[in-house]
Amino acid sequence: MILLSHRTPVAKKDYSCDACVWIFESDYRHGLTISEYRSIVKAQRNGCKIRAGEKYIYQASINYGDFCTFRAIPAIFDICIKYDMFECD
C-alpha cells in the first residue's frame, strides 16, 4: 500500500466510518480503557457515521494498483492503531 494523503478535514456531508468495520470485526472488548469503550459505544449509537461538521481522518492510497479512500472517526482510528487492528500488506 502506498499512502498518498493523510489529513483531518471537516465533513461536509455524512460518511461511513471505515475504522468501525475493523473494530467490530475484532475482539475489541478486552483491554480497552473506559474512554475508548465510550468512544466505540458513541460511534455505534451514531450508526458508525461521520456526521457533517465533524473532523475526521481521510487517507488516500494505492493498494494493489487500485486507488482507495479511507475515512474514520479520529477516536476510533486511534483505537485501531493502538491495538494494531489494521491489516497491512
N, C-alpha and C. Protein backbone atom coordinates (compact mmCIF):
# COMPACT_ATOMS: atom_id res chain seq x y z
N MET A 1 0.85 -1.18 0.00
CA MET A 1 0.00 0.00 0.00
C MET A 1 0.89 1.24 0.00
N ILE A 2 0.55 2.19 -0.84
CA ILE A 2 1.26 3.46 -0.92
C ILE A 2 0.31 4.56 -0.44
N LEU A 3 0.65 5.19 0.67
CA LEU A 3 -0.18 6.26 1.22
C LEU A 3 0.11 7.55 0.46
N LEU A 4 -0.91 8.12 -0.14
CA LEU A 4 -0.77 9.34 -0.93
C LEU A 4 -1.10 10.59 -0.12
N SER A 5 -2.08 10.47 0.78
CA SER A 5 -2.55 11.64 1.53
C SER A 5 -3.09 11.20 2.88
N HIS A 6 -2.81 11.97 3.90
CA HIS A 6 -3.38 11.76 5.23
C HIS A 6 -3.70 13.14 5.79
N ARG A 7 -4.96 13.40 6.02
CA ARG A 7 -5.36 14.72 6.54
C ARG A 7 -6.57 14.59 7.44
N THR A 8 -6.92 15.69 8.08
CA THR A 8 -8.06 15.72 9.00
C THR A 8 -8.99 16.87 8.62
N PRO A 9 -9.82 16.66 7.60
CA PRO A 9 -10.76 17.70 7.18
C PRO A 9 -12.03 17.69 8.03
N VAL A 10 -12.89 18.65 7.78
CA VAL A 10 -14.22 18.71 8.38
C VAL A 10 -15.21 18.17 7.35
N ALA A 11 -16.05 17.26 7.77
CA ALA A 11 -17.01 16.62 6.85
C ALA A 11 -18.05 17.62 6.37
N LYS A 12 -18.31 17.62 5.08
CA LYS A 12 -19.35 18.46 4.50
C LYS A 12 -20.66 17.70 4.38
N LYS A 13 -20.56 16.38 4.48
CA LYS A 13 -21.75 15.53 4.47
C LYS A 13 -21.44 14.31 5.34
N ASP A 14 -22.41 13.45 5.56
CA ASP A 14 -22.21 12.25 6.37
C ASP A 14 -21.43 11.20 5.58
N TYR A 15 -20.53 10.51 6.27
CA TYR A 15 -19.77 9.41 5.68
C TYR A 15 -19.81 8.22 6.64
N SER A 16 -19.62 7.05 6.11
CA SER A 16 -19.46 5.86 6.95
C SER A 16 -18.03 5.85 7.49
N CYS A 17 -17.87 5.39 8.71
CA CYS A 17 -16.55 5.27 9.33
C CYS A 17 -15.97 3.91 8.96
N ASP A 18 -14.91 3.92 8.16
CA ASP A 18 -14.28 2.68 7.72
C ASP A 18 -13.55 1.97 8.87
N ALA A 19 -13.10 2.70 9.87
CA ALA A 19 -12.40 2.08 11.00
C ALA A 19 -13.36 1.28 11.87
N CYS A 20 -14.63 1.65 11.88
CA CYS A 20 -15.60 0.90 12.69
C CYS A 20 -15.69 -0.56 12.24
N VAL A 21 -15.52 -0.80 10.96
CA VAL A 21 -15.54 -2.18 10.46
C VAL A 21 -14.45 -3.00 11.14
N TRP A 22 -13.26 -2.41 11.26
CA TRP A 22 -12.14 -3.11 11.89
C TRP A 22 -12.42 -3.35 13.38
N ILE A 23 -13.02 -2.37 14.04
CA ILE A 23 -13.35 -2.50 15.46
C ILE A 23 -14.32 -3.65 15.68
N PHE A 24 -15.41 -3.66 14.92
CA PHE A 24 -16.47 -4.63 15.18
C PHE A 24 -16.16 -6.02 14.64
N GLU A 25 -15.15 -6.15 13.79
CA GLU A 25 -14.72 -7.47 13.35
C GLU A 25 -13.63 -8.05 14.24
N SER A 26 -13.15 -7.26 15.19
CA SER A 26 -12.10 -7.74 16.10
C SER A 26 -12.72 -8.05 17.47
N ASP A 27 -11.91 -8.62 18.32
CA ASP A 27 -12.33 -8.88 19.69
C ASP A 27 -11.90 -7.69 20.54
N TYR A 28 -12.60 -6.58 20.37
CA TYR A 28 -12.18 -5.30 20.95
C TYR A 28 -12.53 -5.14 22.42
N ARG A 29 -13.27 -6.01 22.99
CA ARG A 29 -13.78 -5.80 24.35
C ARG A 29 -12.72 -5.98 25.44
N HIS A 30 -11.62 -6.62 25.12
CA HIS A 30 -10.61 -6.90 26.14
C HIS A 30 -9.50 -5.87 26.12
N GLY A 31 -9.24 -5.27 27.26
CA GLY A 31 -8.13 -4.36 27.40
C GLY A 31 -8.41 -2.90 27.07
N LEU A 32 -9.64 -2.55 26.74
CA LEU A 32 -9.96 -1.16 26.45
C LEU A 32 -10.06 -0.33 27.71
N THR A 33 -9.72 0.94 27.58
CA THR A 33 -9.97 1.86 28.69
C THR A 33 -11.44 2.25 28.65
N ILE A 34 -11.90 2.85 29.72
CA ILE A 34 -13.30 3.30 29.78
C ILE A 34 -13.57 4.33 28.68
N SER A 35 -12.66 5.28 28.46
CA SER A 35 -12.89 6.30 27.44
C SER A 35 -12.89 5.69 26.04
N GLU A 36 -12.06 4.67 25.79
CA GLU A 36 -12.07 4.00 24.49
C GLU A 36 -13.40 3.27 24.28
N TYR A 37 -13.85 2.59 25.31
CA TYR A 37 -15.12 1.88 25.21
C TYR A 37 -16.27 2.87 24.96
N ARG A 38 -16.23 4.01 25.62
CA ARG A 38 -17.26 5.05 25.40
C ARG A 38 -17.23 5.56 23.96
N SER A 39 -16.05 5.73 23.41
CA SER A 39 -15.93 6.18 22.01
C SER A 39 -16.55 5.18 21.06
N ILE A 40 -16.34 3.89 21.33
CA ILE A 40 -16.91 2.84 20.49
C ILE A 40 -18.42 2.82 20.60
N VAL A 41 -18.94 2.94 21.82
CA VAL A 41 -20.39 2.95 22.03
C VAL A 41 -21.01 4.16 21.35
N LYS A 42 -20.37 5.32 21.45
CA LYS A 42 -20.87 6.53 20.80
C LYS A 42 -20.91 6.36 19.28
N ALA A 43 -19.86 5.79 18.72
CA ALA A 43 -19.84 5.55 17.27
C ALA A 43 -20.94 4.59 16.87
N GLN A 44 -21.13 3.56 17.66
CA GLN A 44 -22.16 2.56 17.36
C GLN A 44 -23.55 3.19 17.41
N ARG A 45 -23.78 4.04 18.40
CA ARG A 45 -25.09 4.72 18.52
C ARG A 45 -25.35 5.67 17.36
N ASN A 46 -24.27 6.22 16.79
CA ASN A 46 -24.41 7.12 15.63
C ASN A 46 -24.44 6.35 14.32
N GLY A 47 -24.57 5.04 14.39
CA GLY A 47 -24.63 4.23 13.18
C GLY A 47 -23.29 4.14 12.47
N CYS A 48 -22.20 4.34 13.22
CA CYS A 48 -20.83 4.32 12.65
C CYS A 48 -20.69 5.35 11.53
N LYS A 49 -21.29 6.50 11.73
CA LYS A 49 -21.26 7.57 10.74
C LYS A 49 -20.40 8.73 11.22
N ILE A 50 -19.72 9.34 10.28
CA ILE A 50 -19.06 10.63 10.49
C ILE A 50 -20.09 11.65 10.08
N ARG A 51 -20.49 12.50 10.97
CA ARG A 51 -21.55 13.47 10.69
C ARG A 51 -20.98 14.75 10.08
N ALA A 52 -21.79 15.41 9.27
CA ALA A 52 -21.40 16.69 8.68
C ALA A 52 -21.03 17.66 9.80
N GLY A 53 -19.91 18.35 9.61
CA GLY A 53 -19.42 19.31 10.60
C GLY A 53 -18.40 18.73 11.55
N GLU A 54 -18.20 17.42 11.55
CA GLU A 54 -17.22 16.78 12.43
C GLU A 54 -15.89 16.58 11.69
N LYS A 55 -14.79 16.69 12.44
CA LYS A 55 -13.48 16.37 11.87
C LYS A 55 -13.37 14.86 11.74
N TYR A 56 -12.63 14.44 10.72
CA TYR A 56 -12.42 13.00 10.52
C TYR A 56 -11.06 12.77 9.87
N ILE A 57 -10.60 11.55 9.93
CA ILE A 57 -9.34 11.15 9.28
C ILE A 57 -9.66 10.78 7.84
N TYR A 58 -8.89 11.33 6.91
CA TYR A 58 -9.04 10.98 5.49
C TYR A 58 -7.69 10.51 4.97
N GLN A 59 -7.68 9.35 4.35
CA GLN A 59 -6.47 8.84 3.72
C GLN A 59 -6.79 8.42 2.30
N ALA A 60 -5.89 8.75 1.39
CA ALA A 60 -5.97 8.27 0.02
C ALA A 60 -4.73 7.42 -0.21
N SER A 61 -4.92 6.28 -0.87
CA SER A 61 -3.79 5.38 -1.07
C SER A 61 -3.97 4.58 -2.36
N ILE A 62 -2.90 3.91 -2.73
CA ILE A 62 -2.94 2.96 -3.83
C ILE A 62 -2.62 1.60 -3.23
N ASN A 63 -3.54 0.66 -3.42
CA ASN A 63 -3.39 -0.68 -2.88
C ASN A 63 -3.60 -1.68 -4.01
N TYR A 64 -2.58 -2.45 -4.31
CA TYR A 64 -2.63 -3.42 -5.41
C TYR A 64 -3.03 -2.76 -6.72
N GLY A 65 -2.57 -1.53 -6.95
CA GLY A 65 -2.85 -0.82 -8.18
C GLY A 65 -4.17 -0.08 -8.21
N ASP A 66 -4.99 -0.22 -7.19
CA ASP A 66 -6.28 0.46 -7.12
C ASP A 66 -6.21 1.68 -6.20
N PHE A 67 -6.86 2.76 -6.61
CA PHE A 67 -6.97 3.95 -5.77
C PHE A 67 -8.01 3.69 -4.69
N CYS A 68 -7.68 3.96 -3.44
CA CYS A 68 -8.60 3.71 -2.31
C CYS A 68 -8.69 4.95 -1.43
N THR A 69 -9.86 5.16 -0.86
CA THR A 69 -10.02 6.19 0.16
C THR A 69 -10.45 5.53 1.46
N PHE A 70 -10.10 6.16 2.55
CA PHE A 70 -10.41 5.65 3.89
C PHE A 70 -10.82 6.85 4.73
N ARG A 71 -11.97 6.75 5.39
CA ARG A 71 -12.46 7.81 6.28
C ARG A 71 -12.76 7.19 7.63
N ALA A 72 -12.39 7.90 8.70
CA ALA A 72 -12.58 7.34 10.04
C ALA A 72 -12.80 8.43 11.08
N ILE A 73 -13.58 8.07 12.09
CA ILE A 73 -13.74 8.90 13.28
C ILE A 73 -12.38 8.87 13.99
N PRO A 74 -11.80 10.03 14.32
CA PRO A 74 -10.46 10.04 14.90
C PRO A 74 -10.28 9.14 16.13
N ALA A 75 -11.23 9.13 17.05
CA ALA A 75 -11.09 8.30 18.25
C ALA A 75 -11.08 6.81 17.90
N ILE A 76 -11.88 6.42 16.93
CA ILE A 76 -11.93 5.02 16.52
C ILE A 76 -10.63 4.66 15.78
N PHE A 77 -10.15 5.55 14.94
CA PHE A 77 -8.88 5.35 14.24
C PHE A 77 -7.76 5.15 15.25
N ASP A 78 -7.72 5.99 16.28
CA ASP A 78 -6.67 5.89 17.31
C ASP A 78 -6.72 4.55 18.04
N ILE A 79 -7.92 4.06 18.33
CA ILE A 79 -8.06 2.76 18.99
C ILE A 79 -7.53 1.65 18.08
N CYS A 80 -7.86 1.70 16.81
CA CYS A 80 -7.39 0.70 15.86
C CYS A 80 -5.86 0.70 15.76
N ILE A 81 -5.28 1.88 15.76
CA ILE A 81 -3.82 1.99 15.70
C ILE A 81 -3.20 1.44 17.00
N LYS A 82 -3.73 1.87 18.14
CA LYS A 82 -3.18 1.46 19.43
C LYS A 82 -3.18 -0.05 19.60
N TYR A 83 -4.25 -0.71 19.18
CA TYR A 83 -4.38 -2.15 19.37
C TYR A 83 -4.04 -2.95 18.10
N ASP A 84 -3.40 -2.28 17.13
CA ASP A 84 -2.90 -2.93 15.92
C ASP A 84 -3.99 -3.75 15.22
N MET A 85 -5.13 -3.13 14.97
CA MET A 85 -6.26 -3.82 14.36
C MET A 85 -6.24 -3.81 12.84
N PHE A 86 -5.50 -2.86 12.25
CA PHE A 86 -5.46 -2.77 10.80
C PHE A 86 -4.52 -3.81 10.23
N GLU A 87 -4.96 -4.50 9.18
CA GLU A 87 -4.09 -5.42 8.45
C GLU A 87 -3.30 -4.61 7.44
N CYS A 88 -2.02 -4.80 7.42
CA CYS A 88 -1.17 -4.10 6.44
C CYS A 88 -0.56 -5.12 5.50
N ASP A 89 -0.55 -4.75 4.25
CA ASP A 89 0.07 -5.63 3.23
C ASP A 89 1.52 -5.27 3.06
